[in-house]
Amino acid sequence: MLSQEIKTIGSSGQISLGKEYAGQPVLIEEIEEGVWLIKTAKVIPDSEMWIHEEPAKSKIDKSIKWAEKNKPTETNIEKLSGKIR
């Protein structure tokens, strides 16, 4: 959906995009002077970035595929404890 609307940048340098975007993080890219591209974004905390980087990402993806193909089964605790000893 393409639309155009005229907005005025306030004296504090702010512009309102509307209440439907309130509280959402956005990425603002200055394409050239006076031209901005604004996109809604998801923000990943620094402490969780490792999940989205290698080698963790591949390991997690592989684990998810395995879990989708292998249904959970009930564990025999006695048999499992015998393997530990």
Protein backbone atom coordinates (compact mmCIF):
# COMPACT_ATOMS: atom_id res chain seq x y z
CA MET A 1 0.00 0.00 0.00
CA LEU A 2 1.59 3.24 -1.10
CA SER A 3 0.41 6.49 0.35
CA GLN A 4 1.72 9.98 0.72
CA GLU A 5 1.03 12.42 3.47
CA ILE A 6 2.50 15.79 4.32
CA LYS A 7 3.88 16.10 7.84
CA THR A 8 5.64 19.01 9.52
CA ILE A 9 8.77 18.47 11.58
CA GLY A 10 8.15 20.17 14.93
CA SER A 11 10.45 22.66 16.64
CA SER A 12 11.95 19.81 18.69
CA GLY A 13 12.86 17.91 15.50
CA GLN A 14 10.15 15.29 15.89
CA ILE A 15 7.60 13.97 13.42
CA SER A 16 4.56 11.83 14.24
CA LEU A 17 3.91 8.72 12.18
CA GLY A 18 0.61 7.94 13.89
CA LYS A 19 -0.59 6.11 16.99
CA GLU A 20 -0.51 2.72 15.25
CA TYR A 21 3.30 2.93 15.36
CA ALA A 22 3.60 4.23 18.92
CA GLY A 23 6.29 2.45 20.89
CA GLN A 24 7.66 0.49 17.91
CA PRO A 25 11.35 0.66 17.10
CA VAL A 26 12.17 1.94 13.62
CA LEU A 27 15.21 1.98 11.39
CA ILE A 28 15.82 5.36 9.74
CA GLU A 29 18.08 5.39 6.71
CA GLU A 30 19.14 8.70 5.21
CA ILE A 31 19.31 7.94 1.49
CA GLU A 32 20.48 11.45 0.64
CA GLU A 33 20.17 14.83 2.30
CA GLY A 34 16.50 15.40 3.07
CA VAL A 35 15.41 11.88 1.96
CA TRP A 36 14.74 9.27 4.64
CA LEU A 37 13.53 5.70 4.48
CA ILE A 38 11.76 4.63 7.68
CA LYS A 39 11.14 0.94 8.38
CA THR A 40 9.65 -0.76 11.43
CA ALA A 41 12.26 -3.01 13.01
CA LYS A 42 12.84 -5.75 15.54
CA VAL A 43 15.67 -5.13 17.99
CA ILE A 44 17.85 -7.94 19.31
CA PRO A 45 19.51 -7.27 22.67
CA ASP A 46 23.33 -7.57 22.58
CA SER A 47 23.18 -10.36 25.16
CA GLU A 48 21.01 -12.46 22.78
CA MET A 49 22.83 -11.71 19.52
CA TRP A 50 24.94 -14.89 19.81
CA ILE A 51 21.80 -16.95 19.08
CA HIS A 52 21.62 -15.39 15.60
CA GLU A 53 25.34 -15.83 14.81
CA GLU A 54 27.40 -18.86 13.83
CA PRO A 55 28.00 -21.46 15.12
CA ALA A 56 24.98 -21.23 17.47
CA LYS A 57 22.50 -20.40 14.68
CA SER A 58 23.29 -23.58 12.70
CA LYS A 59 23.18 -25.72 15.85
CA ILE A 60 19.80 -24.29 16.85
CA ASP A 61 18.39 -24.71 13.32
CA LYS A 62 19.62 -28.34 13.25
CA SER A 63 18.06 -28.99 16.68
CA ILE A 64 14.71 -27.55 15.62
CA LYS A 65 14.65 -29.75 12.47
CA TRP A 66 15.49 -32.79 14.61
CA ALA A 67 12.73 -31.95 17.10
CA GLU A 68 10.19 -31.56 14.27
CA LYS A 69 11.01 -35.08 12.99
CA ASN A 70 11.29 -36.81 16.38
CA LYS A 71 8.26 -36.81 18.62
CA PRO A 72 8.88 -36.70 22.38
CA THR A 73 8.75 -40.01 24.26
CA GLU A 74 8.49 -40.76 27.94
CA THR A 75 11.84 -41.31 29.62
CA ASN A 76 12.55 -44.49 31.58
CA ILE A 77 14.35 -42.95 34.56
CA GLU A 78 15.84 -46.27 35.78
CA LYS A 79 17.33 -47.03 32.37
CA LEU A 80 18.66 -43.48 32.03
CA SER A 81 20.25 -43.51 35.51
CA GLY A 82 21.98 -46.78 34.61
CA LYS A 83 23.66 -45.05 31.66
CA ILE A 84 24.97 -42.30 33.92
CA ARG A 85 26.65 -44.61 36.41
